[in-house]
Structures are given as structure tokens and as C-alpha cells.
C-alpha atoms as a PDB file:
ATOM      1  CA  UNK A   1     -57.077  37.049 -16.514  1.00  0.00           C
ATOM      2  CA  UNK A   2     -56.704  37.494 -12.736  1.00  0.00           C
ATOM      3  CA  UNK A   3     -58.873  34.407 -12.162  1.00  0.00           C
ATOM      4  CA  UNK A   4     -56.693  32.439 -14.568  1.00  0.00           C
ATOM      5  CA  UNK A   5     -53.571  33.458 -12.666  1.00  0.00           C
ATOM      6  CA  UNK A   6     -55.153  32.380  -9.378  1.00  0.00           C
ATOM      7  CA  UNK A   7     -56.160  29.069 -10.955  1.00  0.00           C
ATOM      8  CA  UNK A   8     -52.633  28.603 -12.302  1.00  0.00           C
ATOM      9  CA  UNK A   9     -51.150  29.292  -8.873  1.00  0.00           C
ATOM     10  CA  UNK A  10     -53.538  26.816  -7.241  1.00  0.00           C
ATOM     11  CA  UNK A  11     -52.709  24.151  -9.810  1.00  0.00           C
ATOM     12  CA  UNK A  12     -48.986  24.675  -9.359  1.00  0.00           C
ATOM     13  CA  UNK A  13     -49.451  24.236  -5.603  1.00  0.00           C
ATOM     14  CA  UNK A  14     -51.460  21.060  -6.210  1.00  0.00           C
ATOM     15  CA  UNK A  15     -48.682  19.716  -8.402  1.00  0.00           C
ATOM     16  CA  UNK A  16     -46.059  20.590  -5.823  1.00  0.00           C
ATOM     17  CA  UNK A  17     -47.936  18.824  -3.048  1.00  0.00           C
ATOM     18  CA  UNK A  18     -49.180  15.919  -5.147  1.00  0.00           C
ATOM     19  CA  UNK A  19     -46.030  14.666  -6.853  1.00  0.00           C
ATOM     20  CA  UNK A  20     -45.510  11.385  -5.063  1.00  0.00           C
ATOM     21  CA  UNK A  21     -44.806   7.885  -6.311  1.00  0.00           C
ATOM     22  CA  UNK A  22     -43.465   8.938  -9.669  1.00  0.00           C
ATOM     23  CA  UNK A  23     -42.734   6.640 -12.564  1.00  0.00           C
ATOM     24  CA  UNK A  24     -41.438   7.402 -16.038  1.00  0.00           C
ATOM     25  CA  UNK A  25     -43.659   9.409 -18.354  1.00  0.00           C
ATOM     26  CA  UNK A  26     -44.397   8.327 -21.923  1.00  0.00           C
ATOM     27  CA  UNK A  27     -43.357  10.331 -24.970  1.00  0.00           C
ATOM     28  CA  UNK A  28     -46.751  11.980 -25.422  1.00  0.00           C
ATOM     29  CA  UNK A  29     -46.954  12.736 -21.707  1.00  0.00           C
ATOM     30  CA  UNK A  30     -43.494  14.268 -21.830  1.00  0.00           C
ATOM     31  CA  UNK A  31     -44.545  16.571 -24.664  1.00  0.00           C
ATOM     32  CA  UNK A  32     -47.561  17.696 -22.658  1.00  0.00           C
ATOM     33  CA  UNK A  33     -45.355  18.383 -19.639  1.00  0.00           C
ATOM     34  CA  UNK A  34     -42.900  20.265 -21.907  1.00  0.00           C
ATOM     35  CA  UNK A  35     -45.712  22.547 -23.033  1.00  0.00           C
ATOM     36  CA  UNK A  36     -46.984  23.123 -19.500  1.00  0.00           C
ATOM     37  CA  UNK A  37     -43.502  23.910 -18.173  1.00  0.00           C
ATOM     38  CA  UNK A  38     -42.718  26.266 -21.054  1.00  0.00           C
ATOM     39  CA  UNK A  39     -45.918  28.204 -20.425  1.00  0.00           C
ATOM     40  CA  UNK A  40     -45.603  28.176 -16.626  1.00  0.00           C
ATOM     41  CA  UNK A  41     -42.041  29.507 -16.722  1.00  0.00           C
ATOM     42  CA  UNK A  42     -42.927  32.228 -19.208  1.00  0.00           C
ATOM     43  CA  UNK A  43     -45.939  33.331 -17.157  1.00  0.00           C
ATOM     44  CA  UNK A  44     -43.939  33.161 -13.935  1.00  0.00           C
ATOM     45  CA  UNK A  45     -41.289  35.416 -15.504  1.00  0.00           C
ATOM     46  CA  UNK A  46     -43.830  37.903 -16.840  1.00  0.00           C
ATOM     47  CA  UNK A  47     -47.356  37.505 -15.423  1.00  0.00           C
ATOM     48  CA  UNK A  48     -48.668  40.490 -17.377  1.00  0.00           C
ATOM     49  CA  UNK A  49     -48.078  38.536 -20.616  1.00  0.00           C
ATOM     50  CA  UNK A  50     -50.027  35.441 -19.545  1.00  0.00           C
ATOM     51  CA  UNK A  51     -52.628  35.777 -22.285  1.00  0.00           C
ATOM     52  CA  UNK A  52     -50.010  36.393 -24.952  1.00  0.00           C
ATOM     53  CA  UNK A  53     -47.923  33.451 -23.745  1.00  0.00           C
ATOM     54  CA  UNK A  54     -50.920  31.158 -24.005  1.00  0.00           C
ATOM     55  CA  UNK A  55     -51.719  32.389 -27.521  1.00  0.00           C
ATOM     56  CA  UNK A  56     -48.074  32.016 -28.609  1.00  0.00           C
ATOM     57  CA  UNK A  57     -48.268  28.383 -27.510  1.00  0.00           C
ATOM     58  CA  UNK A  58     -51.580  27.719 -29.241  1.00  0.00           C
ATOM     59  CA  UNK A  59     -53.533  27.489 -25.988  1.00  0.00           C
ATOM     60  CA  UNK A  60     -56.538  29.132 -24.432  1.00  0.00           C
ATOM     61  CA  UNK A  61     -56.762  29.663 -20.700  1.00  0.00           C
ATOM     62  CA  UNK A  62     -59.317  26.845 -20.515  1.00  0.00           C
ATOM     63  CA  UNK A  63     -57.111  24.454 -22.498  1.00  0.00           C
ATOM     64  CA  UNK A  64     -54.125  25.227 -20.281  1.00  0.00           C
ATOM     65  CA  UNK A  65     -56.226  24.742 -17.166  1.00  0.00           C
ATOM     66  CA  UNK A  66     -57.369  21.349 -18.495  1.00  0.00           C
ATOM     67  CA  UNK A  67     -53.748  20.413 -19.215  1.00  0.00           C
ATOM     68  CA  UNK A  68     -52.694  21.363 -15.696  1.00  0.00           C
ATOM     69  CA  UNK A  69     -55.521  19.298 -14.183  1.00  0.00           C
ATOM     70  CA  UNK A  70     -54.465  16.328 -16.332  1.00  0.00           C
ATOM     71  CA  UNK A  71     -50.873  16.691 -15.129  1.00  0.00           C
ATOM     72  CA  UNK A  72     -51.952  17.071 -11.502  1.00  0.00           C
ATOM     73  CA  UNK A  73     -54.048  13.900 -11.749  1.00  0.00           C
ATOM     74  CA  UNK A  74     -51.115  11.804 -13.002  1.00  0.00           C
ATOM     75  CA  UNK A  75     -48.362  11.152 -10.426  1.00  0.00           C
ATOM     76  CA  UNK A  76     -45.651  10.596 -13.039  1.00  0.00           C
ATOM     77  CA  UNK A  77     -46.529  13.705 -15.017  1.00  0.00           C
ATOM     78  CA  UNK A  78     -46.854  15.716 -11.818  1.00  0.00           C
ATOM     79  CA  UNK A  79     -43.426  14.616 -10.632  1.00  0.00           C
ATOM     80  CA  UNK A  80     -41.920  15.413 -14.036  1.00  0.00           C
ATOM     81  CA  UNK A  81     -43.531  18.852 -14.052  1.00  0.00           C
ATOM     82  CA  UNK A  82     -42.204  19.575 -10.560  1.00  0.00           C
ATOM     83  CA  UNK A  83     -38.741  18.399 -11.484  1.00  0.00           C
ATOM     84  CA  UNK A  84     -38.620  20.624 -14.549  1.00  0.00           C
ATOM     85  CA  UNK A  85     -39.972  23.592 -12.608  1.00  0.00           C
ATOM     86  CA  UNK A  86     -37.224  23.177 -10.045  1.00  0.00           C
ATOM     87  CA  UNK A  87     -39.468  21.892  -7.266  1.00  0.00           C
END
């Protein structure tokens, strides 16, 4: 789980640094960002529950990592994620 937390932190930093040139996100993209933000905020609030938070949201660590990479690769989704995370 420690590796997953480090990966999550690295992805959040990538999103923070990479959110440039944003445009509007589509409905399906918005839902994906909603899920990522919900999980990120819950894990940020209680890192010891990271595994439980993922399970409660129907995700594995690998699936969440894939989602975060998808968001980081899309400028609009990245900007939306940052905005919702307060960045």
C-alpha cells in the first residue's frame, strides 16, 4: 500500500504541474474526474484507509492508478481535477 500512496502522490504532483490549456470536459470525463476527486480527498483525509476507500468506490489500486494516468494525460481533465482538489 505504501507504493500505491507514493504513486498517488506522484500522480497528484503531475496533475498539479500539468494542468495547462484547459477546455471543458465531457460528461463521461466529468464522471471519471468526480470519482478520482472523491477517492483522492478521502485518501488525503485518512491515508490509512486507502485500500478501503478504493474498495468502497469499486476500484483496485491498479484501476485507480490507470484512471489517474488518464486524467494526467488529458489537459482538460487534469485542469478539472486540480480545480476540484483546490489547486
